[in-house]
Amino acid sequence: MMYQVPYYAVIFTSAIKNDEGYAQMAQAMEQLVKKQKGFLGYDSAREAIGITVSYWSDLESIKAWRNHPEHGIAMQLGKEKWYDHYSLRVCKVEREYEF
């Protein structure tokens, strides 16, 4: 999937300590984020460490997603219930190659 550069990538890595209710919330957040202005798509993999990279057209859209009330609930539950550890990085993509 090629997007028009430049765009932004939000890299979220996590280690789960408790997955009770996690899959349902992840599915709800997937449906919600797809409706957000500036959201372009995402890639995700979950094994011992989960990695989700979401792609955005601009920083304002990323901030709006971070501040979305329903996403805020998911973030709080993540801190309190699901995650042993997580990190988040916001990167500007200036070049892209695909084979």
C-alpha atoms as a PDB file:
ATOM      1  CA  MET A   1       0.000   0.000   0.000  1.00  0.00           C
ATOM      2  CA  MET A   2       1.573   3.193  -1.156  1.00  0.00           C
ATOM      3  CA  TYR A   3       0.521   6.531   0.289  1.00  0.00           C
ATOM      4  CA  GLN A   4       1.348   9.988  -1.004  1.00  0.00           C
ATOM      5  CA  VAL A   5       4.503  11.185   0.757  1.00  0.00           C
ATOM      6  CA  PRO A   6       5.085  12.845   3.061  1.00  0.00           C
ATOM      7  CA  TYR A   7       2.764  11.270   5.606  1.00  0.00           C
ATOM      8  CA  TYR A   8       3.088  10.143   9.219  1.00  0.00           C
ATOM      9  CA  ALA A   9       3.460   6.742  10.853  1.00  0.00           C
ATOM     10  CA  VAL A  10       2.540   6.100  14.474  1.00  0.00           C
ATOM     11  CA  ILE A  11       4.397   3.029  15.748  1.00  0.00           C
ATOM     12  CA  PHE A  12       2.815   1.411  18.799  1.00  0.00           C
ATOM     13  CA  THR A  13       4.582  -1.543  20.416  1.00  0.00           C
ATOM     14  CA  SER A  14       3.180  -3.341  23.449  1.00  0.00           C
ATOM     15  CA  ALA A  15       3.537  -6.301  25.765  1.00  0.00           C
ATOM     16  CA  ILE A  16       0.238  -7.680  27.051  1.00  0.00           C
ATOM     17  CA  LYS A  17      -0.118  -8.794  30.652  1.00  0.00           C
ATOM     18  CA  ASN A  18      -3.859  -9.552  30.579  1.00  0.00           C
ATOM     19  CA  ASP A  19      -5.901 -10.035  27.416  1.00  0.00           C
ATOM     20  CA  GLU A  20      -9.377 -10.242  28.997  1.00  0.00           C
ATOM     21  CA  GLY A  21     -11.590  -8.013  26.852  1.00  0.00           C
ATOM     22  CA  TYR A  22      -8.609  -6.831  24.785  1.00  0.00           C
ATOM     23  CA  ALA A  23      -9.702  -8.345  21.450  1.00  0.00           C
ATOM     24  CA  GLN A  24     -13.166  -6.793  21.676  1.00  0.00           C
ATOM     25  CA  MET A  25     -11.742  -3.340  22.404  1.00  0.00           C
ATOM     26  CA  ALA A  26      -9.153  -3.691  19.620  1.00  0.00           C
ATOM     27  CA  GLN A  27     -11.922  -4.554  17.161  1.00  0.00           C
ATOM     28  CA  ALA A  28     -14.007  -1.560  18.292  1.00  0.00           C
ATOM     29  CA  MET A  29     -10.997   0.777  17.959  1.00  0.00           C
ATOM     30  CA  GLU A  30     -10.248  -0.601  14.484  1.00  0.00           C
ATOM     31  CA  GLN A  31     -13.757   0.270  13.327  1.00  0.00           C
ATOM     32  CA  LEU A  32     -13.604   3.709  14.960  1.00  0.00           C
ATOM     33  CA  VAL A  33     -10.165   4.712  13.644  1.00  0.00           C
ATOM     34  CA  LYS A  34     -11.186   3.911  10.076  1.00  0.00           C
ATOM     35  CA  LYS A  35     -13.731   6.753  10.330  1.00  0.00           C
ATOM     36  CA  GLN A  36     -11.177   9.353  11.503  1.00  0.00           C
ATOM     37  CA  LYS A  37     -10.145  12.248   9.283  1.00  0.00           C
ATOM     38  CA  GLY A  38      -6.607  11.792   8.002  1.00  0.00           C
ATOM     39  CA  PHE A  39      -6.383   8.050   8.757  1.00  0.00           C
ATOM     40  CA  LEU A  40      -4.763   6.217   5.853  1.00  0.00           C
ATOM     41  CA  GLY A  41      -4.424   2.619   7.058  1.00  0.00           C
ATOM     42  CA  TYR A  42      -2.410   0.354   9.348  1.00  0.00           C
ATOM     43  CA  ASP A  43      -0.252  -2.773   9.639  1.00  0.00           C
ATOM     44  CA  SER A  44      -0.314  -4.940  12.746  1.00  0.00           C
ATOM     45  CA  ALA A  45       1.284  -8.093  14.149  1.00  0.00           C
ATOM     46  CA  ARG A  46       0.866  -9.670  17.571  1.00  0.00           C
ATOM     47  CA  GLU A  47       3.017 -12.374  19.075  1.00  0.00           C
ATOM     48  CA  ALA A  48       5.000 -11.951  22.309  1.00  0.00           C
ATOM     49  CA  ILE A  49       5.201  -8.259  21.406  1.00  0.00           C
ATOM     50  CA  GLY A  50       2.458  -6.459  19.524  1.00  0.00           C
ATOM     51  CA  ILE A  51       3.347  -3.941  16.845  1.00  0.00           C
ATOM     52  CA  THR A  52       0.814  -1.703  15.159  1.00  0.00           C
ATOM     53  CA  VAL A  53       1.830   0.976  12.694  1.00  0.00           C
ATOM     54  CA  SER A  54      -0.928   3.385  11.711  1.00  0.00           C
ATOM     55  CA  TYR A  55      -0.552   5.845   8.858  1.00  0.00           C
ATOM     56  CA  TRP A  56      -1.858   9.403   8.872  1.00  0.00           C
ATOM     57  CA  SER A  57      -1.953  12.338   6.482  1.00  0.00           C
ATOM     58  CA  ASP A  58      -1.055  14.960   9.095  1.00  0.00           C
ATOM     59  CA  LEU A  59      -0.135  15.590  12.732  1.00  0.00           C
ATOM     60  CA  GLU A  60      -3.456  17.262  13.521  1.00  0.00           C
ATOM     61  CA  SER A  61      -5.315  14.052  12.657  1.00  0.00           C
ATOM     62  CA  ILE A  62      -3.003  12.068  14.941  1.00  0.00           C
ATOM     63  CA  LYS A  63      -3.693  14.498  17.784  1.00  0.00           C
ATOM     64  CA  ALA A  64      -7.440  14.318  17.149  1.00  0.00           C
ATOM     65  CA  TRP A  65      -7.298  10.510  17.384  1.00  0.00           C
ATOM     66  CA  ARG A  66      -5.254  10.679  20.586  1.00  0.00           C
ATOM     67  CA  ASN A  67      -7.904  12.996  22.072  1.00  0.00           C
ATOM     68  CA  HIS A  68     -10.960  11.053  20.836  1.00  0.00           C
ATOM     69  CA  PRO A  69     -13.116  10.221  23.905  1.00  0.00           C
ATOM     70  CA  GLU A  70     -13.660   6.532  23.048  1.00  0.00           C
ATOM     71  CA  HIS A  71      -9.982   6.066  22.233  1.00  0.00           C
ATOM     72  CA  GLY A  72      -9.215   7.716  25.574  1.00  0.00           C
ATOM     73  CA  ILE A  73     -11.182   4.993  27.354  1.00  0.00           C
ATOM     74  CA  ALA A  74      -9.224   2.296  25.502  1.00  0.00           C
ATOM     75  CA  MET A  75      -5.916   3.989  26.367  1.00  0.00           C
ATOM     76  CA  GLN A  76      -6.832   4.170  30.055  1.00  0.00           C
ATOM     77  CA  LEU A  77      -7.894   0.520  30.135  1.00  0.00           C
ATOM     78  CA  GLY A  78      -4.623  -0.371  28.433  1.00  0.00           C
ATOM     79  CA  LYS A  79      -2.630   1.307  31.185  1.00  0.00           C
ATOM     80  CA  GLU A  80      -4.757  -0.113  33.998  1.00  0.00           C
ATOM     81  CA  LYS A  81      -5.541  -3.584  32.708  1.00  0.00           C
ATOM     82  CA  TRP A  82      -3.894  -4.857  29.518  1.00  0.00           C
ATOM     83  CA  TYR A  83      -0.359  -3.603  29.018  1.00  0.00           C
ATOM     84  CA  ASP A  84       2.740  -4.601  30.896  1.00  0.00           C
ATOM     85  CA  HIS A  85       4.634  -2.089  28.759  1.00  0.00           C
ATOM     86  CA  TYR A  86       4.071   0.007  25.648  1.00  0.00           C
ATOM     87  CA  SER A  87       5.858   2.620  23.574  1.00  0.00           C
ATOM     88  CA  LEU A  88       4.639   4.993  20.914  1.00  0.00           C
ATOM     89  CA  ARG A  89       6.636   6.778  18.244  1.00  0.00           C
ATOM     90  CA  VAL A  90       5.455   9.321  15.675  1.00  0.00           C
ATOM     91  CA  CYS A  91       7.530   9.461  12.506  1.00  0.00           C
ATOM     92  CA  LYS A  92       7.393  11.447   9.289  1.00  0.00           C
ATOM     93  CA  VAL A  93       7.657   9.251   6.191  1.00  0.00           C
ATOM     94  CA  GLU A  94       9.464  11.039   3.402  1.00  0.00           C
ATOM     95  CA  ARG A  95      10.203   8.089   1.096  1.00  0.00           C
ATOM     96  CA  GLU A  96       8.531   4.783   0.465  1.00  0.00           C
ATOM     97  CA  TYR A  97       9.495   1.735  -1.562  1.00  0.00           C
ATOM     98  CA  GLU A  98       7.556  -1.434  -2.215  1.00  0.00           C
ATOM     99  CA  PHE A  99       8.198  -4.715  -4.007  1.00  0.00           C
END
